[in-house]
């Protein structure tokens, strides 16, 4: 547990007591002024706004005092003199926090061992170099982006950073630039997630579809394979159903089924699965999943064609509502030959559309068994809405080119959010990683401040055993 040295406690007490005394008097005076102002018709708003403004000013001062006290105490410690020379004192830094801009001064040190230069305070606080925003703001922005787009997430967080008194003034709202959020994501070595093992049911359902994303640095667009794995459907309320234990997985890969299989059998014991229903549009790559998912000789893989696609094909065959109803009824109740005869009659009556009608007829005939099996089931497919809400939404409504290296990052963040992982917690616990790591699902939602470790200073817990580590460790424990 992190321990502040006794003499640092005294220094902080003196500074913070003075700050509280002066600010409490200001707050009291201003609140009384708000309450007694006969011309103020919005007294509640005025009081809340005043408390917020003064509280944020107080917190900003407290943060600066704490940081500067820590730096000052370390500057004159015997441990510092053993390992570091002072290169420059009182170097100012400003960061934007939830409470406003915090400006503090710290000391620049030069190592006596290798002449390297360090802001020890910045390293102890795990603050990246040259950042205007603190990690919490970055985490909030990336978390907001996981549910929308960069521009809107910048506006959302900007409003949260703006004082109540300024929310009515659009020019005063401190919107975070889209480019800043882009850079934070680009620089983040976001982790891979290993899903927890679950109780294995006898039947698993897998929906699959694809989405093309514009790419900057290659001729063709990138194809994203999107999968939804679930264990069944349950009735939530009248007219509303929900997928049981839903997991959404978006993949960029030339072998999507192999990657999906690896994830699927992380979660489930393949020897206990009796049947997998594969729901899709009947494309060749979907049908490849029938072979790739069959991990056990006794496992049955059954393809169900999504209703949306065969109904869409029928709508392309004819615009006549009666003919559409007849064709839909035929698929539901008749054999292939009867359906084909009906479509051939439509072709004879519409020779100018023969090529289109034949193409759609062949599509339905080639997937006739999969359509019949879907109609006989009580599952239904919601893949189109999943693609719309969980893939297309993140990449915006207007086509644009994305870097291939960044698309995977965006998909990772999308997968975090879609599977209800705590994006904010993931970022706060990995933003300083120099390389990507893999986290187990059960590790994701842990507290950003561990209670049972030697210190809350990252370099002390994670750093290598060297002079700097030894110095900070002694400093943290008041040795």
Protein backbone atom coordinates (compact mmCIF):
# COMPACT_ATOMS: atom_id res chain seq x y z
CA UNK A 1 0.00 0.00 0.00
CA UNK A 2 1.30 3.47 -0.93
CA UNK A 3 2.59 5.39 2.11
CA UNK A 4 3.29 9.12 2.13
CA UNK A 5 6.35 10.03 4.21
CA UNK A 6 5.48 11.80 7.47
CA UNK A 7 7.21 15.06 6.58
CA UNK A 8 5.38 15.17 3.21
CA UNK A 9 2.10 14.76 5.09
CA UNK A 10 2.87 17.81 7.20
CA UNK A 11 3.73 19.84 4.12
CA UNK A 12 0.51 18.83 2.40
CA UNK A 13 -1.63 19.50 5.47
CA UNK A 14 -0.31 23.04 5.68
CA UNK A 15 -0.89 23.79 2.01
CA UNK A 16 -4.31 22.15 1.79
CA UNK A 17 -5.63 23.68 5.02
CA UNK A 18 -4.82 27.14 3.66
CA UNK A 19 -6.51 26.29 0.34
CA UNK A 20 -9.68 24.98 2.02
CA UNK A 21 -9.94 27.99 4.32
CA UNK A 22 -9.73 30.58 1.56
CA UNK A 23 -11.99 28.73 -0.89
CA UNK A 24 -14.67 27.88 1.68
CA UNK A 25 -15.09 31.56 2.48
CA UNK A 26 -15.38 32.43 -1.22
CA UNK A 27 -17.98 29.72 -1.80
CA UNK A 28 -20.07 30.80 1.19
CA UNK A 29 -20.00 34.47 0.15
CA UNK A 30 -20.94 33.70 -3.47
CA UNK A 31 -23.73 31.29 -2.53
CA UNK A 32 -25.27 33.83 -0.17
CA UNK A 33 -25.03 36.41 -2.94
CA UNK A 34 -26.85 34.08 -5.35
CA UNK A 35 -29.61 33.28 -2.87
CA UNK A 36 -30.25 36.90 -1.91
CA UNK A 37 -30.19 38.32 -5.45
CA UNK A 38 -33.81 39.45 -6.11
CA UNK A 39 -33.19 39.68 -9.89
CA UNK A 40 -32.01 36.09 -10.26
CA UNK A 41 -34.92 33.90 -11.37
CA UNK A 42 -32.71 30.82 -11.71
CA UNK A 43 -31.32 30.62 -8.20
CA UNK A 44 -30.95 26.83 -8.28
CA UNK A 45 -28.85 26.95 -11.47
CA UNK A 46 -26.80 29.83 -10.10
CA UNK A 47 -26.06 28.04 -6.81
CA UNK A 48 -25.13 24.73 -8.45
CA UNK A 49 -23.01 26.53 -11.05
CA UNK A 50 -21.19 28.52 -8.38
CA UNK A 51 -20.49 25.43 -6.26
CA UNK A 52 -19.22 23.58 -9.32
CA UNK A 53 -16.94 26.40 -10.43
CA UNK A 54 -15.43 27.02 -7.00
CA UNK A 55 -15.09 23.30 -6.24
CA UNK A 56 -13.22 22.71 -9.49
CA UNK A 57 -10.89 25.62 -8.74
CA UNK A 58 -10.23 24.15 -5.32
CA UNK A 59 -9.57 20.66 -6.69
CA UNK A 60 -7.22 22.02 -9.35
CA UNK A 61 -5.24 23.80 -6.65
CA UNK A 62 -5.16 20.66 -4.49
CA UNK A 63 -3.84 18.57 -7.39
CA UNK A 64 -1.11 21.09 -8.16
CA UNK A 65 -0.15 21.36 -4.47
CA UNK A 66 0.08 17.58 -4.09
CA UNK A 67 2.24 17.17 -7.19
CA UNK A 68 4.54 20.04 -6.27
CA UNK A 69 4.84 18.85 -2.66
CA UNK A 70 5.81 15.39 -3.83
CA UNK A 71 8.40 16.84 -6.21
CA UNK A 72 9.78 19.20 -3.58
CA UNK A 73 10.06 16.45 -0.97
CA UNK A 74 11.87 14.17 -3.43
CA UNK A 75 14.14 16.98 -4.60
CA UNK A 76 15.70 17.35 -1.16
CA UNK A 77 15.72 13.66 -0.23
CA UNK A 78 18.95 11.77 0.34
CA UNK A 79 17.90 9.13 -2.17
CA UNK A 80 17.61 11.70 -4.95
CA UNK A 81 21.06 13.07 -4.17
CA UNK A 82 22.45 9.56 -4.42
CA UNK A 83 21.17 8.91 -7.97
CA UNK A 84 20.27 12.22 -9.65
CA UNK A 85 21.63 15.70 -10.27
CA UNK A 86 19.27 18.62 -10.78
CA UNK A 87 19.26 19.71 -14.41
CA UNK A 88 16.53 22.36 -14.16
CA UNK A 89 14.07 23.42 -11.44
CA UNK A 90 10.48 24.64 -11.62
CA UNK A 91 9.69 23.35 -15.12
CA UNK A 92 6.00 24.01 -15.73
CA UNK A 93 3.51 21.52 -17.17
CA UNK A 94 -0.21 21.92 -17.85
CA UNK A 95 -2.65 19.03 -18.29
CA UNK A 96 -6.41 19.03 -18.80
CA UNK A 97 -8.28 17.04 -16.17
CA UNK A 98 -11.94 16.44 -15.32
CA UNK A 99 -11.74 19.52 -13.08
CA UNK A 100 -10.02 21.85 -15.53
CA UNK A 101 -6.46 22.68 -16.49
CA UNK A 102 -3.90 21.86 -13.82
CA UNK A 103 -0.55 23.66 -14.00
CA UNK A 104 2.25 22.44 -11.76
CA UNK A 105 6.00 22.81 -11.55
CA UNK A 106 8.50 19.98 -11.21
CA UNK A 107 12.21 19.30 -11.39
CA UNK A 108 14.17 17.95 -14.35
CA UNK A 109 16.85 15.48 -13.25
CA UNK A 110 19.94 13.97 -14.84
CA UNK A 111 20.98 10.46 -13.88
CA UNK A 112 24.38 10.08 -12.25
CA UNK A 113 24.56 6.57 -13.72
CA UNK A 114 23.91 7.07 -17.44
CA UNK A 115 23.30 10.86 -17.84
CA UNK A 116 19.71 10.24 -18.97
CA UNK A 117 17.18 13.00 -18.26
CA UNK A 118 14.00 12.45 -16.27
CA UNK A 119 10.95 14.17 -14.87
CA UNK A 120 10.69 11.76 -11.95
CA UNK A 121 7.28 13.13 -10.92
CA UNK A 122 5.84 12.48 -14.40
CA UNK A 123 7.25 8.96 -14.40
CA UNK A 124 5.97 8.25 -10.90
CA UNK A 125 2.48 9.40 -11.95
CA UNK A 126 2.74 7.46 -15.22
CA UNK A 127 2.01 10.60 -17.25
CA UNK A 128 3.13 10.23 -20.89
CA UNK A 129 5.40 12.93 -22.27
CA UNK A 130 4.01 16.00 -24.02
CA UNK A 131 0.36 15.12 -23.43
CA UNK A 132 -2.10 17.96 -23.03
CA UNK A 133 -4.89 15.72 -21.68
CA UNK A 134 -4.60 13.36 -18.74
CA UNK A 135 -5.21 9.59 -19.18
CA UNK A 136 -8.69 9.77 -17.63
CA UNK A 137 -9.91 12.23 -20.28
CA UNK A 138 -8.40 10.03 -22.99
CA UNK A 139 -10.10 6.95 -21.56
CA UNK A 140 -13.47 8.75 -21.45
CA UNK A 141 -13.10 9.89 -25.07
CA UNK A 142 -12.16 6.43 -26.35
CA UNK A 143 -15.00 4.90 -24.32
CA UNK A 144 -17.43 7.37 -25.93
CA UNK A 145 -15.96 6.61 -29.36
CA UNK A 146 -16.67 2.90 -28.83
CA UNK A 147 -20.38 3.79 -28.94
CA UNK A 148 -20.33 6.45 -31.68
CA UNK A 149 -17.70 8.24 -33.82
CA UNK A 150 -14.67 10.37 -33.02
CA UNK A 151 -16.25 13.74 -33.79
CA UNK A 152 -19.31 13.13 -31.65
CA UNK A 153 -17.29 11.58 -28.81
CA UNK A 154 -15.12 14.74 -28.76
CA UNK A 155 -18.27 16.84 -28.38
CA UNK A 156 -19.70 14.59 -25.66
CA UNK A 157 -16.57 14.73 -23.50
CA UNK A 158 -16.14 18.43 -24.26
CA UNK A 159 -19.57 19.12 -22.78
CA UNK A 160 -18.65 17.12 -19.67
CA UNK A 161 -15.55 19.28 -19.22
CA UNK A 162 -17.47 22.53 -19.63
CA UNK A 163 -18.80 24.46 -16.61
CA UNK A 164 -22.58 24.58 -16.22
CA UNK A 165 -22.52 28.34 -16.63
CA UNK A 166 -20.97 27.99 -20.10
CA UNK A 167 -23.07 25.15 -21.52
CA UNK A 168 -25.39 27.62 -23.26
CA UNK A 169 -22.46 29.08 -25.20
CA UNK A 170 -21.34 26.76 -28.00
CA UNK A 171 -18.09 28.68 -28.37
CA UNK A 172 -17.24 28.00 -24.72
CA UNK A 173 -17.67 24.21 -24.96
CA UNK A 174 -14.21 22.64 -24.96
CA UNK A 175 -14.71 20.06 -27.69
CA UNK A 176 -11.84 17.58 -27.96
CA UNK A 177 -10.51 17.56 -31.54
CA UNK A 178 -11.14 14.44 -33.61
CA UNK A 179 -7.43 14.35 -34.47
CA UNK A 180 -6.52 14.08 -30.78
CA UNK A 181 -8.76 11.04 -30.27
CA UNK A 182 -7.36 9.52 -33.47
CA UNK A 183 -3.80 9.95 -32.14
CA UNK A 184 -4.66 8.45 -28.74
CA UNK A 185 -6.08 5.33 -30.37
CA UNK A 186 -3.17 5.11 -32.81
CA UNK A 187 -0.61 5.29 -29.98
CA UNK A 188 -2.42 2.82 -27.74
CA UNK A 189 -1.18 -0.77 -27.72
CA UNK A 190 -4.69 -2.01 -27.05
CA UNK A 191 -4.82 -5.55 -25.63
CA UNK A 192 -6.30 -8.70 -27.08
CA UNK A 193 -9.04 -10.33 -25.02
CA UNK A 194 -9.24 -14.02 -24.21
CA UNK A 195 -12.84 -14.95 -23.43
CA UNK A 196 -13.78 -16.83 -20.30
CA UNK A 197 -14.75 -20.48 -20.56
CA UNK A 198 -18.51 -20.91 -20.26
CA UNK A 199 -20.93 -23.69 -19.50
CA UNK A 200 -21.31 -25.50 -22.83
CA UNK A 201 -24.84 -25.99 -24.21
CA UNK A 202 -25.74 -28.73 -26.68
CA UNK A 203 -26.63 -26.20 -29.41
CA UNK A 204 -24.69 -23.09 -30.50
CA UNK A 205 -25.84 -20.50 -33.03
CA UNK A 206 -23.44 -18.49 -35.22
CA UNK A 207 -24.61 -15.61 -37.44
CA UNK A 208 -22.16 -14.30 -40.03
CA UNK A 209 -22.02 -11.43 -42.51
CA UNK A 210 -19.53 -9.07 -44.10
CA UNK A 211 -18.94 -5.34 -44.34
CA UNK A 212 -16.63 -3.50 -46.73
CA UNK A 213 -14.59 -0.62 -45.30
CA UNK A 214 -12.80 1.93 -47.46
CA UNK A 215 -9.01 1.68 -47.21
CA UNK A 216 -6.37 4.36 -47.85
CA UNK A 217 -3.27 2.34 -48.65
CA UNK A 218 -4.50 -0.47 -50.87
CA UNK A 219 -6.50 -0.70 -54.07
CA UNK A 220 -9.44 -2.72 -52.75
CA UNK A 221 -11.62 -2.09 -49.73
CA UNK A 222 -11.10 -4.21 -46.63
CA UNK A 223 -13.74 -6.82 -45.90
CA UNK A 224 -14.70 -7.20 -42.26
CA UNK A 225 -16.20 -10.53 -41.25
CA UNK A 226 -18.73 -10.04 -38.49
CA UNK A 227 -20.00 -12.90 -36.32
CA UNK A 228 -22.59 -13.15 -33.58
CA UNK A 229 -22.35 -16.24 -31.36
CA UNK A 230 -25.28 -17.05 -29.06
CA UNK A 231 -26.94 -19.95 -27.25
CA UNK A 232 -30.59 -19.36 -28.07
CA UNK A 233 -33.37 -16.77 -27.88
CA UNK A 234 -35.45 -15.78 -24.88
CA UNK A 235 -38.61 -13.71 -24.63
CA UNK A 236 -37.97 -10.48 -22.75
CA UNK A 237 -41.39 -8.88 -23.13
CA UNK A 238 -44.27 -8.85 -25.55
CA UNK A 239 -42.86 -8.36 -29.02
CA UNK A 240 -39.24 -8.33 -27.84
CA UNK A 241 -36.73 -11.17 -27.74
CA UNK A 242 -33.08 -11.32 -26.75
CA UNK A 243 -30.12 -13.48 -27.79
CA UNK A 244 -28.85 -15.59 -24.89
CA UNK A 245 -25.16 -15.10 -23.96
CA UNK A 246 -24.45 -13.10 -27.10
CA UNK A 247 -20.84 -12.52 -28.18
CA UNK A 248 -20.01 -10.22 -31.11
CA UNK A 249 -16.74 -10.82 -32.95
CA UNK A 250 -15.46 -8.65 -35.83
CA UNK A 251 -12.45 -10.00 -37.73
CA UNK A 252 -10.14 -8.91 -40.56
CA UNK A 253 -8.64 -12.15 -41.81
CA UNK A 254 -8.16 -14.34 -44.87
CA UNK A 255 -9.11 -17.26 -42.63
CA UNK A 256 -12.01 -15.88 -40.59
CA UNK A 257 -13.49 -19.27 -39.70
CA UNK A 258 -10.22 -20.50 -38.22
CA UNK A 259 -9.96 -17.38 -36.06
CA UNK A 260 -13.61 -17.68 -35.05
CA UNK A 261 -13.12 -21.37 -34.21
CA UNK A 262 -10.20 -20.51 -31.93
CA UNK A 263 -12.36 -18.00 -30.05
CA UNK A 264 -15.46 -20.23 -30.07
CA UNK A 265 -13.63 -23.16 -28.51
CA UNK A 266 -11.96 -20.92 -25.95
CA UNK A 267 -15.46 -20.29 -24.66
CA UNK A 268 -16.98 -23.75 -25.13
CA UNK A 269 -15.95 -27.40 -24.85
CA UNK A 270 -16.25 -28.70 -28.42
CA UNK A 271 -16.79 -32.28 -27.24
CA UNK A 272 -20.07 -31.25 -25.59
CA UNK A 273 -21.54 -29.38 -28.56
CA UNK A 274 -23.96 -31.56 -30.53
CA UNK A 275 -25.10 -29.06 -33.15
CA UNK A 276 -24.09 -25.65 -34.53
CA UNK A 277 -26.62 -23.67 -36.55
CA UNK A 278 -24.89 -21.34 -39.02
CA UNK A 279 -27.03 -18.38 -40.08
CA UNK A 280 -25.96 -16.33 -43.09
CA UNK A 281 -26.72 -15.10 -46.58
CA UNK A 282 -25.60 -18.22 -48.46
CA UNK A 283 -22.36 -16.75 -49.80
CA UNK A 284 -19.56 -19.22 -50.52
CA UNK A 285 -17.47 -17.99 -47.60
CA UNK A 286 -20.42 -18.58 -45.25
CA UNK A 287 -20.80 -22.15 -46.49
CA UNK A 288 -17.08 -22.74 -45.88
CA UNK A 289 -17.91 -22.41 -42.18
CA UNK A 290 -19.84 -25.70 -42.34
CA UNK A 291 -16.54 -27.52 -42.79
CA UNK A 292 -14.35 -25.27 -40.64
CA UNK A 293 -16.59 -25.33 -37.55
CA UNK A 294 -16.92 -29.12 -37.46
CA UNK A 295 -14.35 -29.82 -34.73
CA UNK A 296 -15.76 -33.19 -33.63
CA UNK A 297 -16.94 -36.14 -35.79
CA UNK A 298 -20.29 -36.29 -33.97
CA UNK A 299 -20.94 -32.54 -34.27
CA UNK A 300 -23.62 -31.49 -36.79
CA UNK A 301 -23.32 -28.14 -38.61
CA UNK A 302 -26.53 -26.91 -40.21
CA UNK A 303 -26.84 -23.86 -42.49
CA UNK A 304 -29.91 -21.62 -42.14
CA UNK A 305 -30.40 -18.86 -44.72
CA UNK A 306 -31.41 -15.56 -43.16
CA UNK A 307 -34.99 -14.61 -43.99
CA UNK A 308 -33.98 -11.10 -44.99
CA UNK A 309 -31.95 -12.35 -47.95
CA UNK A 310 -34.44 -14.77 -49.51
CA UNK A 311 -37.30 -12.27 -49.07
CA UNK A 312 -35.13 -9.61 -50.67
CA UNK A 313 -34.52 -11.97 -53.61
CA UNK A 314 -38.27 -12.50 -54.04
CA UNK A 315 -38.82 -8.73 -53.99
CA UNK A 316 -36.28 -8.46 -56.81
CA UNK A 317 -38.10 -11.15 -58.80
CA UNK A 318 -41.38 -9.21 -58.89
CA UNK A 319 -42.86 -5.92 -57.72
CA UNK A 320 -46.41 -7.31 -57.75
CA UNK A 321 -47.58 -7.78 -54.16
CA UNK A 322 -49.83 -10.75 -54.95
CA UNK A 323 -47.06 -12.55 -56.83
CA UNK A 324 -44.70 -11.92 -53.89
CA UNK A 325 -47.19 -13.46 -51.47
CA UNK A 326 -47.61 -16.50 -53.72
CA UNK A 327 -43.84 -17.00 -54.02
CA UNK A 328 -43.33 -16.65 -50.26
CA UNK A 329 -46.09 -19.18 -49.63
CA UNK A 330 -44.57 -21.53 -52.21
CA UNK A 331 -41.17 -21.48 -50.52
CA UNK A 332 -42.82 -22.22 -47.22
CA UNK A 333 -45.04 -25.07 -48.40
CA UNK A 334 -43.84 -26.41 -51.75
CA UNK A 335 -40.86 -28.22 -53.31
CA UNK A 336 -38.19 -26.59 -55.48
CA UNK A 337 -39.83 -27.61 -58.74
CA UNK A 338 -43.13 -25.90 -57.90
CA UNK A 339 -41.37 -22.69 -56.88
CA UNK A 340 -39.24 -22.75 -60.03
CA UNK A 341 -42.31 -23.17 -62.23
CA UNK A 342 -43.94 -20.13 -60.66
CA UNK A 343 -40.84 -18.02 -61.28
CA UNK A 344 -40.59 -19.26 -64.88
CA UNK A 345 -44.12 -17.99 -65.46
CA UNK A 346 -43.06 -14.55 -64.20
CA UNK A 347 -40.08 -14.63 -66.60
CA UNK A 348 -42.41 -15.37 -69.55
CA UNK A 349 -44.49 -12.34 -68.59
CA UNK A 350 -41.41 -10.13 -68.08
CA UNK A 351 -38.83 -11.14 -70.73
CA UNK A 352 -37.01 -7.82 -70.39
CA UNK A 353 -36.06 -8.75 -66.78
CA UNK A 354 -35.15 -12.36 -67.51
CA UNK A 355 -31.49 -12.11 -66.42
CA UNK A 356 -32.27 -10.54 -63.02
CA UNK A 357 -35.16 -12.89 -62.27
CA UNK A 358 -33.16 -16.01 -63.20
CA UNK A 359 -30.28 -14.89 -60.97
CA UNK A 360 -32.59 -14.45 -57.95
CA UNK A 361 -34.45 -17.70 -58.71
CA UNK A 362 -31.18 -19.64 -58.81
CA UNK A 363 -30.10 -18.04 -55.53
CA UNK A 364 -33.25 -19.27 -53.81
CA UNK A 365 -33.10 -22.73 -55.44
CA UNK A 366 -29.44 -23.19 -54.45
CA UNK A 367 -30.30 -22.35 -50.82
CA UNK A 368 -33.76 -23.98 -50.74
CA UNK A 369 -32.98 -26.44 -47.96
CA UNK A 370 -31.33 -23.73 -45.84
CA UNK A 371 -34.40 -21.50 -46.31
CA UNK A 372 -36.81 -24.30 -45.36
CA UNK A 373 -34.73 -25.12 -42.28
CA UNK A 374 -34.76 -21.46 -41.24
CA UNK A 375 -38.55 -21.27 -41.64
CA UNK A 376 -38.93 -24.43 -39.56
CA UNK A 377 -36.84 -23.00 -36.73
CA UNK A 378 -37.99 -20.49 -34.12
CA UNK A 379 -34.74 -18.51 -34.10
CA UNK A 380 -34.82 -15.96 -36.90
CA UNK A 381 -31.81 -13.86 -37.87
CA UNK A 382 -30.94 -10.34 -36.77
CA UNK A 383 -27.56 -10.18 -38.52
CA UNK A 384 -28.43 -7.19 -40.68
CA UNK A 385 -29.29 -5.07 -37.65
CA UNK A 386 -26.12 -6.23 -35.90
CA UNK A 387 -24.00 -5.16 -38.88
CA UNK A 388 -25.78 -1.80 -38.92
CA UNK A 389 -25.50 -1.09 -35.18
CA UNK A 390 -22.22 -2.74 -34.24
CA UNK A 391 -19.99 -2.29 -37.31
CA UNK A 392 -21.29 0.33 -39.74
CA UNK A 393 -22.11 2.80 -36.97
CA UNK A 394 -18.50 3.05 -35.81
CA UNK A 395 -17.18 3.74 -39.30
CA UNK A 396 -19.68 6.50 -39.97
CA UNK A 397 -22.52 6.99 -42.40
CA UNK A 398 -20.29 8.58 -45.06
CA UNK A 399 -17.65 6.41 -46.80
CA UNK A 400 -14.04 7.35 -46.12
CA UNK A 401 -10.64 5.73 -46.32
CA UNK A 402 -9.11 4.16 -43.22
CA UNK A 403 -5.55 3.04 -42.65
CA UNK A 404 -5.24 -0.76 -42.56
CA UNK A 405 -3.26 -0.61 -39.31
CA UNK A 406 -5.94 1.50 -37.62
CA UNK A 407 -9.00 -0.48 -38.78
CA UNK A 408 -7.95 -3.42 -36.58
CA UNK A 409 -7.65 -1.06 -33.59
CA UNK A 410 -11.13 0.31 -34.24
CA UNK A 411 -12.53 -3.21 -34.49
CA UNK A 412 -10.83 -4.21 -31.22
CA UNK A 413 -12.46 -1.24 -29.47
CA UNK A 414 -15.77 -2.14 -31.10
CA UNK A 415 -15.45 -5.72 -29.83
CA UNK A 416 -14.73 -4.45 -26.30
CA UNK A 417 -17.86 -2.32 -26.29
CA UNK A 418 -20.12 -4.79 -28.10
CA UNK A 419 -19.30 -7.47 -25.55
CA UNK A 420 -19.89 -5.13 -22.58
CA UNK A 421 -16.25 -4.92 -21.54
CA UNK A 422 -15.23 -1.81 -19.60
CA UNK A 423 -13.39 0.18 -22.30
CA UNK A 424 -12.46 2.93 -19.85
CA UNK A 425 -10.90 0.44 -17.43
CA UNK A 426 -9.06 -1.38 -20.23
CA UNK A 427 -7.47 1.88 -21.42
CA UNK A 428 -6.52 3.15 -17.97
CA UNK A 429 -4.75 -0.10 -17.17
CA UNK A 430 -2.89 -0.48 -20.48
CA UNK A 431 -2.33 3.01 -21.96
CA UNK A 432 1.37 3.04 -21.05
CA UNK A 433 2.12 -0.44 -22.40
CA UNK A 434 4.94 -0.43 -24.93
CA UNK A 435 3.52 -3.50 -26.68
CA UNK A 436 0.20 -5.27 -26.96
CA UNK A 437 -0.72 -7.87 -24.35
CA UNK A 438 -3.51 -10.41 -23.93
CA UNK A 439 -5.96 -10.07 -21.04
CA UNK A 440 -8.35 -12.69 -19.77
CA UNK A 441 -11.98 -11.56 -19.80
CA UNK A 442 -12.20 -11.89 -16.01
CA UNK A 443 -9.28 -9.45 -15.61
CA UNK A 444 -10.85 -6.64 -17.63
CA UNK A 445 -13.18 -4.96 -15.17
CA UNK A 446 -10.74 -4.79 -12.31
CA UNK A 447 -10.29 -1.55 -10.40
CA UNK A 448 -7.97 1.01 -11.91
CA UNK A 449 -6.51 1.52 -8.43
CA UNK A 450 -5.41 -1.75 -6.91
CA UNK A 451 -5.84 -1.97 -3.13
CA UNK A 452 -3.43 -4.80 -2.34
CA UNK A 453 -0.20 -3.86 -4.04
CA UNK A 454 2.99 -2.37 -2.69
CA UNK A 455 2.35 1.01 -4.25
CA UNK A 456 0.03 2.85 -6.63
CA UNK A 457 3.04 4.23 -8.51
CA UNK A 458 3.23 2.16 -11.73
CA UNK A 459 7.00 2.25 -12.08
CA UNK A 460 7.40 0.82 -8.58
CA UNK A 461 5.12 -2.13 -9.30
CA UNK A 462 6.12 -2.78 -12.90
CA UNK A 463 9.60 -1.32 -13.32
CA UNK A 464 12.86 -3.19 -13.55
CA UNK A 465 15.13 -3.44 -10.55
CA UNK A 466 17.41 -0.43 -11.02
CA UNK A 467 18.51 2.74 -9.25
CA UNK A 468 15.36 4.65 -10.18
CA UNK A 469 13.12 1.85 -8.94
CA UNK A 470 15.05 1.60 -5.69
CA UNK A 471 14.83 5.37 -5.17
CA UNK A 472 11.09 5.60 -5.84
CA UNK A 473 10.36 2.52 -3.75
CA UNK A 474 12.10 4.06 -0.75
CA UNK A 475 10.39 7.37 -1.40
CA UNK A 476 6.95 5.75 -1.56
CA UNK A 477 7.46 4.00 1.76
CA UNK A 478 9.07 6.90 3.56
CA UNK A 479 12.46 5.21 4.01
